[in-house]
Protein backbone atom coordinates (compact mmCIF):
# COMPACT_ATOMS: atom_id res chain seq x y z
CA UNK A 1 98.45 64.97 87.32
CA UNK A 2 95.51 66.48 85.56
CA UNK A 3 92.46 64.21 85.52
CA UNK A 4 90.55 64.36 82.23
CA UNK A 5 86.86 63.59 82.44
CA UNK A 6 85.39 62.79 79.02
CA UNK A 7 81.65 63.32 78.91
CA UNK A 8 79.69 60.08 79.33
CA UNK A 9 77.88 60.87 76.12
CA UNK A 10 81.17 60.27 74.33
CA UNK A 11 80.64 56.59 74.97
CA UNK A 12 77.69 56.66 72.62
CA UNK A 13 77.86 56.15 68.88
CA UNK A 14 77.84 59.90 68.23
CA UNK A 15 81.44 60.43 67.14
CA UNK A 16 81.31 64.22 67.55
CA UNK A 17 81.32 63.84 71.32
CA UNK A 18 84.52 61.81 71.21
CA UNK A 19 86.46 64.95 70.31
CA UNK A 20 85.22 66.99 73.29
CA UNK A 21 86.77 66.91 76.74
CA UNK A 22 86.46 68.47 80.17
CA UNK A 23 89.52 68.87 82.39
CA UNK A 24 89.38 69.63 86.11
CA UNK A 25 92.67 70.84 87.56
CA UNK A 26 93.88 73.01 90.39
CA UNK A 27 96.21 73.63 93.29
CA UNK A 28 95.68 73.17 97.04
CA UNK A 29 97.97 74.93 99.53
CA UNK A 30 97.89 75.23 103.30
CA UNK A 31 100.72 76.45 105.47
CA UNK A 32 101.33 77.89 108.93
CA UNK A 33 102.45 81.51 108.56
CA UNK A 34 103.95 83.83 111.15
CA UNK A 35 104.15 87.57 110.43
CA UNK A 36 106.39 89.90 112.43
CA UNK A 37 105.81 93.58 111.65
CA UNK A 38 107.39 96.68 113.17
CA UNK A 39 103.79 97.77 113.67
CA UNK A 40 102.91 95.19 116.32
CA UNK A 41 99.16 95.30 115.62
CA UNK A 42 99.88 93.61 112.27
CA UNK A 43 101.70 90.61 113.77
CA UNK A 44 99.83 87.45 112.76
CA UNK A 45 99.78 83.68 112.98
CA UNK A 46 97.53 82.13 110.34
CA UNK A 47 96.85 79.03 108.27
CA UNK A 48 96.45 79.71 104.55
CA UNK A 49 97.89 79.64 101.04
CA UNK A 50 101.50 80.72 101.47
CA UNK A 51 103.33 79.36 98.41
CA UNK A 52 100.62 79.99 95.80
CA UNK A 53 96.91 80.57 95.30
CA UNK A 54 94.53 77.73 96.10
CA UNK A 55 92.39 77.37 92.99
CA UNK A 56 90.14 74.94 91.12
CA UNK A 57 89.73 75.16 87.35
CA UNK A 58 87.41 73.70 84.73
CA UNK A 59 88.63 73.61 81.14
CA UNK A 60 86.66 72.48 78.09
CA UNK A 61 87.99 71.79 74.60
CA UNK A 62 86.53 70.60 71.30
CA UNK A 63 88.69 69.63 68.35
CA UNK A 64 87.21 71.09 65.16
CA UNK A 65 89.74 69.44 62.88
CA UNK A 66 92.37 70.92 60.59
CA UNK A 67 94.36 72.26 63.56
CA UNK A 68 91.45 74.25 65.01
CA UNK A 69 89.76 73.94 68.38
CA UNK A 70 87.41 75.95 70.58
CA UNK A 71 87.37 75.89 74.34
CA UNK A 72 86.98 77.77 77.58
CA UNK A 73 88.37 78.02 81.09
CA UNK A 74 86.91 79.08 84.42
CA UNK A 75 88.88 79.21 87.68
CA UNK A 76 87.85 79.85 91.27
CA UNK A 77 90.40 81.05 93.84
CA UNK A 78 89.45 80.06 97.38
CA UNK A 79 89.88 82.28 100.44
CA UNK A 80 90.21 80.90 103.94
CA UNK A 81 87.47 81.19 106.54
CA UNK A 82 87.54 84.47 108.45
CA UNK A 83 88.67 84.90 112.03
CA UNK A 84 91.86 86.96 111.96
CA UNK A 85 91.02 90.57 111.12
CA UNK A 86 94.25 92.43 111.79
CA UNK A 87 95.23 94.68 108.89
CA UNK A 88 94.98 93.29 105.39
CA UNK A 89 96.86 90.05 106.01
CA UNK A 90 93.73 87.89 106.32
CA UNK A 91 90.23 87.72 104.91
CA UNK A 92 87.70 89.63 106.98
CA UNK A 93 84.81 87.36 106.03
CA UNK A 94 84.37 83.65 105.38
CA UNK A 95 85.08 82.62 101.79
CA UNK A 96 84.98 86.27 100.70
CA UNK A 97 85.54 85.33 97.08
CA UNK A 98 82.94 83.65 94.87
CA UNK A 99 82.72 81.17 92.04
CA UNK A 100 84.57 82.14 88.82
CA UNK A 101 86.42 84.98 90.59
CA UNK A 102 89.66 84.19 88.72
CA UNK A 103 90.31 83.53 85.03
CA UNK A 104 87.16 83.03 82.95
CA UNK A 105 87.28 83.09 79.17
CA UNK A 106 86.46 81.44 75.85
CA UNK A 107 89.20 80.85 73.27
CA UNK A 108 89.54 79.85 69.64
CA UNK A 109 92.87 78.26 68.63
CA UNK A 110 94.33 77.65 65.20
CA UNK A 111 97.67 75.88 64.86
CA UNK A 112 98.75 78.29 62.11
CA UNK A 113 97.09 81.53 63.23
CA UNK A 114 97.35 81.42 67.03
CA UNK A 115 94.90 81.80 69.92
CA UNK A 116 92.18 84.39 70.55
CA UNK A 117 90.79 84.69 74.11
CA UNK A 118 87.71 86.63 75.24
CA UNK A 119 86.86 87.35 78.88
CA UNK A 120 88.82 87.83 82.10
CA UNK A 121 92.27 86.52 81.21
CA UNK A 122 95.52 86.62 83.20
CA UNK A 123 97.79 89.45 82.09
CA UNK A 124 101.01 88.59 80.27
CA UNK A 125 102.77 90.84 82.81
CA UNK A 126 101.69 88.45 85.58
CA UNK A 127 103.27 85.53 83.71
CA UNK A 128 106.50 87.48 83.23
CA UNK A 129 106.74 88.62 86.85
CA UNK A 130 106.01 85.25 88.46
CA UNK A 131 107.22 82.63 85.95
CA UNK A 132 110.13 84.23 84.08
CA UNK A 133 111.78 87.08 86.00
CA UNK A 134 111.84 85.30 89.37
CA UNK A 135 111.92 81.87 91.05
CA UNK A 136 108.64 79.94 91.28
CA UNK A 137 107.07 81.74 94.24
CA UNK A 138 103.83 82.53 92.39
CA UNK A 139 102.25 85.43 94.32
CA UNK A 140 102.97 83.89 97.72
CA UNK A 141 105.56 84.58 100.40
CA UNK A 142 108.94 85.40 98.87
CA UNK A 143 107.38 86.69 95.65
CA UNK A 144 108.19 90.14 94.27
CA UNK A 145 104.62 90.27 92.91
CA UNK A 146 102.42 89.60 95.93
CA UNK A 147 99.78 91.57 97.81
CA UNK A 148 102.55 92.59 100.25
CA UNK A 149 105.24 93.67 97.77
CA UNK A 150 105.20 94.54 94.09
CA UNK A 151 107.88 95.81 91.72
CA UNK A 152 105.62 98.60 90.34
CA UNK A 153 103.51 101.53 91.51
CA UNK A 154 100.55 103.13 89.75
CA UNK A 155 97.31 101.64 88.45
CA UNK A 156 96.80 97.89 88.85
CA UNK A 157 94.22 95.13 89.20
CA UNK A 158 95.66 92.96 91.95
CA UNK A 159 94.24 94.34 95.20
CA UNK A 160 92.01 92.22 97.44
CA UNK A 161 88.47 93.57 97.52
CA UNK A 162 88.57 95.18 94.08
CA UNK A 163 87.29 92.18 92.13
CA UNK A 164 89.67 92.67 89.19
CA UNK A 165 88.77 96.35 88.75
CA UNK A 166 91.54 98.89 88.10
CA UNK A 167 92.67 100.86 91.17
CA UNK A 168 95.46 103.32 92.01
CA UNK A 169 98.14 102.15 94.45
CA UNK A 170 98.92 104.29 97.46
CA UNK A 171 101.40 107.01 96.56
CA UNK A 172 104.91 106.49 97.91
CA UNK A 173 105.15 108.23 101.27
CA UNK A 174 106.11 107.68 104.87
CA UNK A 175 103.90 104.57 105.12
CA UNK A 176 104.07 101.03 103.79
CA UNK A 177 103.67 101.00 99.99
CA UNK A 178 103.02 97.50 98.67
CA UNK A 179 102.75 98.63 95.04
CA UNK A 180 100.46 97.71 92.16
CA UNK A 181 100.13 94.50 90.12
CA UNK A 182 98.67 93.55 86.76
CA UNK A 183 96.68 90.34 87.42
CA UNK A 184 93.59 90.27 85.17
CA UNK A 185 90.67 92.50 84.20
CA UNK A 186 87.27 91.73 82.71
CA UNK A 187 86.16 92.63 79.16
CA UNK A 188 89.55 91.71 77.69
CA UNK A 189 90.47 90.48 74.22
CA UNK A 190 93.82 88.68 73.98
CA UNK A 191 95.76 87.25 71.08
CA UNK A 192 98.85 84.98 71.19
CA UNK A 193 100.72 84.00 68.04
CA UNK A 194 102.18 80.58 67.24
CA UNK A 195 105.95 80.26 67.77
CA UNK A 196 108.15 81.55 64.97
CA UNK A 197 111.87 82.28 64.44
CA UNK A 198 112.85 79.31 66.56
CA UNK A 199 110.83 80.06 69.68
CA UNK A 200 109.51 83.65 69.55
CA UNK A 201 105.85 84.37 70.31
CA UNK A 202 103.98 87.69 70.18
CA UNK A 203 101.04 88.66 72.38
CA UNK A 204 98.58 91.54 72.65
CA UNK A 205 95.68 92.29 74.99
CA UNK A 206 93.06 95.05 74.76
CA UNK A 207 90.41 96.10 77.26
CA UNK A 208 88.05 98.75 75.84
CA UNK A 209 87.59 102.01 77.71
CA UNK A 210 84.11 103.27 78.66
CA UNK A 211 83.87 107.03 79.23
CA UNK A 212 80.24 107.99 78.70
CA UNK A 213 79.20 108.85 82.27
CA UNK A 214 79.76 112.48 83.25
CA UNK A 215 77.86 112.50 86.57
CA UNK A 216 78.72 110.93 89.95
CA UNK A 217 82.46 111.31 89.30
CA UNK A 218 82.40 108.74 86.51
CA UNK A 219 80.65 105.93 88.37
CA UNK A 220 80.15 103.28 85.66
CA UNK A 221 83.11 104.29 83.50
CA UNK A 222 85.93 101.80 83.02
CA UNK A 223 89.67 102.00 82.42
CA UNK A 224 91.08 101.10 79.01
CA UNK A 225 94.04 98.72 78.96
CA UNK A 226 96.56 97.85 76.25
CA UNK A 227 99.22 95.19 76.81
CA UNK A 228 101.98 93.92 74.54
CA UNK A 229 104.44 91.07 75.04
CA UNK A 230 107.23 89.18 73.29
CA UNK A 231 108.53 85.87 74.65
CA UNK A 232 111.47 83.80 73.42
CA UNK A 233 111.80 80.23 74.67
CA UNK A 234 114.51 78.01 73.26
CA UNK A 235 116.79 75.55 75.03
CA UNK A 236 118.13 77.01 78.28
CA UNK A 237 116.74 80.52 77.60
CA UNK A 238 113.32 81.86 78.53
CA UNK A 239 113.08 85.64 78.07
CA UNK A 240 110.02 87.88 78.04
CA UNK A 241 109.27 91.58 77.62
CA UNK A 242 105.89 92.98 78.66
CA UNK A 243 104.36 96.45 78.61
CA UNK A 244 100.93 97.34 79.99
CA UNK A 245 99.25 100.75 79.87
CA UNK A 246 96.10 101.86 81.70
CA UNK A 247 94.19 104.87 80.32
CA UNK A 248 91.37 106.77 82.06
CA UNK A 249 88.94 108.78 79.92
CA UNK A 250 88.16 112.48 80.17
CA UNK A 251 85.30 111.86 82.64
CA UNK A 252 87.29 109.80 85.14
CA UNK A 253 86.15 106.65 86.94
CA UNK A 254 84.64 105.92 90.33
CA UNK A 255 83.76 102.75 92.21
CA UNK A 256 83.02 101.46 95.68
CA UNK A 257 85.55 98.94 97.00
CA UNK A 258 86.75 97.48 100.27
CA UNK A 259 89.73 99.29 101.77
CA UNK A 260 91.88 96.49 103.19
CA UNK A 261 94.32 98.87 104.89
CA UNK A 262 91.77 99.23 107.70
CA UNK A 263 90.77 96.62 110.24
CA UNK A 264 88.13 95.50 109.63
CA UNK A 265 88.01 96.42 105.94
CA UNK A 266 85.67 99.30 105.12
CA UNK A 267 83.71 100.10 101.96
CA UNK A 268 85.06 103.32 100.45
CA UNK A 269 84.78 105.21 97.19
CA UNK A 270 87.82 105.04 94.92
CA UNK A 271 88.33 107.32 91.95
CA UNK A 272 90.80 107.57 89.10
CA UNK A 273 91.49 111.05 87.80
CA UNK A 274 90.39 112.06 84.31
CA UNK A 275 92.96 111.46 81.56
CA UNK A 276 95.32 109.58 83.90
CA UNK A 277 97.65 107.07 82.21
CA UNK A 278 99.85 104.53 83.98
CA UNK A 279 102.44 102.26 82.35
CA UNK A 280 104.46 99.28 83.62
CA UNK A 281 107.28 97.61 81.65
CA UNK A 282 109.22 94.47 82.56
CA UNK A 283 112.08 92.56 80.91
CA UNK A 284 112.49 89.15 82.53
CA UNK A 285 114.76 86.19 81.83
CA UNK A 286 115.53 82.71 83.12
CA UNK A 287 118.70 80.87 82.10
CA UNK A 288 119.37 77.20 82.79
CA UNK A 289 123.09 77.39 83.53
CA UNK A 290 123.42 73.77 84.62
CA UNK A 291 120.91 70.93 84.84
CA UNK A 292 120.55 71.74 88.54
CA UNK A 293 120.91 75.55 88.45
CA UNK A 294 118.67 78.26 87.00
CA UNK A 295 119.31 82.00 87.17
CA UNK A 296 116.52 84.59 87.11
CA UNK A 297 116.56 88.35 86.51
CA UNK A 298 114.14 91.19 85.89
CA UNK A 299 114.44 94.87 85.01
CA UNK A 300 111.32 96.99 85.22
CA UNK A 301 110.06 100.55 85.00
CA UNK A 302 106.78 102.33 85.77
CA UNK A 303 105.40 105.80 85.25
CA UNK A 304 102.17 107.81 85.23
CA UNK A 305 101.09 110.89 83.32
CA UNK A 306 101.13 113.04 86.49
CA UNK A 307 104.48 111.63 87.72
CA UNK A 308 102.84 110.50 90.97
CA UNK A 309 104.16 107.04 90.11
CA UNK A 310 107.64 106.91 88.62
CA UNK A 311 110.54 104.54 89.16
CA UNK A 312 112.52 101.44 88.28
CA UNK A 313 112.89 97.92 89.67
CA UNK A 314 115.56 95.23 89.67
CA UNK A 315 115.40 91.61 90.79
CA UNK A 316 117.89 88.76 90.78
CA UNK A 317 117.42 85.16 91.86
CA UNK A 318 118.51 81.55 91.53
CA UNK A 319 117.00 78.08 91.85
CA UNK A 320 119.14 75.04 92.70
CA UNK A 321 117.75 71.50 92.48
CA UNK A 322 119.38 68.49 94.12
CA UNK A 323 117.44 65.25 94.33
CA UNK A 324 113.98 65.97 95.72
CA UNK A 325 115.04 69.40 97.01
CA UNK A 326 114.53 72.80 95.35
CA UNK A 327 116.35 75.70 97.00
CA UNK A 328 115.74 79.23 95.74
CA UNK A 329 116.16 82.87 96.64
CA UNK A 330 115.84 86.35 95.22
CA UNK A 331 116.41 90.01 95.98
CA UNK A 332 114.08 92.68 94.55
CA UNK A 333 114.43 96.46 94.83
CA UNK A 334 112.21 99.35 93.79
CA UNK A 335 113.87 102.70 93.08
CA UNK A 336 111.11 105.25 93.56
CA UNK A 337 111.85 108.29 91.40
CA UNK A 338 108.82 110.34 92.41
CA UNK A 339 109.26 113.42 94.57
CA UNK A 340 108.90 111.40 97.79
CA UNK A 341 111.76 108.98 96.90
CA UNK A 342 110.37 106.13 99.04
CA UNK A 343 112.36 103.06 97.93
CA UNK A 344 111.59 99.52 99.10
CA UNK A 345 113.26 96.11 98.92
CA UNK A 346 112.52 92.43 99.47
CA UNK A 347 114.58 89.34 100.18
CA UNK A 348 112.78 86.06 99.52
CA UNK A 349 113.84 82.48 100.23
CA UNK A 350 112.19 79.15 99.52
CA UNK A 351 112.82 75.42 100.04
CA UNK A 352 110.69 72.63 98.54
CA UNK A 353 110.88 68.94 99.34
CA UNK A 354 109.09 67.23 96.47
CA UNK A 355 107.07 64.32 97.84
CA UNK A 356 106.02 63.43 94.28
CA UNK A 357 105.63 65.16 90.92
CA UNK A 358 102.56 66.99 92.20
CA UNK A 359 102.98 67.21 96.00
CA UNK A 360 105.55 69.03 98.09
CA UNK A 361 106.38 70.23 101.57
CA UNK A 362 107.74 73.76 101.62
CA UNK A 363 109.28 76.55 103.68
CA UNK A 364 108.98 80.21 102.63
CA UNK A 365 110.51 83.37 104.10
CA UNK A 366 110.65 87.00 103.12
CA UNK A 367 111.99 90.20 104.65
CA UNK A 368 110.45 93.46 103.39
CA UNK A 369 111.62 97.01 104.03
CA UNK A 370 109.09 99.55 102.77
CA UNK A 371 111.27 102.62 103.42
CA UNK A 372 114.92 101.97 102.65
CA UNK A 373 115.57 105.67 101.90
CA UNK A 374 113.64 106.92 104.93
CA UNK A 375 113.95 106.85 108.68
CA UNK A 376 112.35 103.68 110.04
CA UNK A 377 108.69 104.12 110.98
CA UNK A 378 105.96 101.93 112.44
CA UNK A 379 105.17 99.26 109.87
CA UNK A 380 108.18 99.97 107.63
CA UNK A 381 109.62 96.46 108.06
CA UNK A 382 108.01 93.05 107.95
CA UNK A 383 109.18 89.44 108.13
CA UNK A 384 107.06 86.43 107.14
CA UNK A 385 107.82 82.74 107.63
CA UNK A 386 105.66 79.85 106.44
CA UNK A 387 105.84 76.07 106.49
CA UNK A 388 103.25 74.02 104.64
CA UNK A 389 102.17 71.43 102.08
CA UNK A 390 100.79 71.94 98.56
CA UNK A 391 99.24 69.60 96.02
CA UNK A 392 98.50 70.26 92.35
CA UNK A 393 96.25 68.05 90.23
């Protein structure tokens, strides 16, 4: 349960403080994970976050009256200490991430007008991919939106070492292609409407493009992002459509980032071509068929202006709850329609034993094939198994 810490000054006679609050919440996760890869150098045994991202958040809120409030949120995602350096399956340095490396924003909320957020905010596409279109695997093992498997190719913001900056996923080819994800990006303005028409909400996010630098291959320029979403939640139905588009200016972009496909990771220069656009669309739905059974589905598409990234995705899953047990599974496939035609698929399974409302023991498993339309190659298949404990608060 979330623990609300009201400022000690609120105990004074100054009534204004009584309407302000600070909430500390988060999620702790540690599990033993075994990775078996057809490229033996990437086999691993580690202890880490396997069912979700370990994070600590601080949220502030002040009630302004008349249905209005102002607040903010800052989250820190915690990496594990270094030690294992094979491939990109483990951090190459101790606590590689820093304070406020996750969501960080200020918001203004009005009960009648909606919510405006300013800062580094989670993309609506992330919510759709992990909370609507699939079982509750977050971005951990079994997820179709993890650092090991994603339902889209093209430009994204979810690669380790990029610090939320936009990057271009590896083109589909005769090597493992994990895909691209929309997670969050800095300098974003988001708006979410109140619910209308019995449960419909509308959302929009804009990240301004900077394209002034003509030298050094665009070092200092940034990618513009536009995202739109509609979500309908009513009774047993939770459905969401999201579309996100990345646009590079006429001068291109360039940045230095850690390449986690090498071991150890190396600092390399990454560029995005001038005038490149990349779009990802996803229609997700969850339906509560029975009190104990939920069905999940997602249909997606992705494309880029140069057709280097082009394809479709499908995913189907179910969650069955009996007593303290949650049993879930899903199958996700990516149909690559670029000239290389390098399809991939994932099968994910999960079991939770709920020790309480906020604590659980879990097992996770996934089986990934990065080249279902190609002859098997070194690293084209991977299996991961994890057993652990998580605690939210």
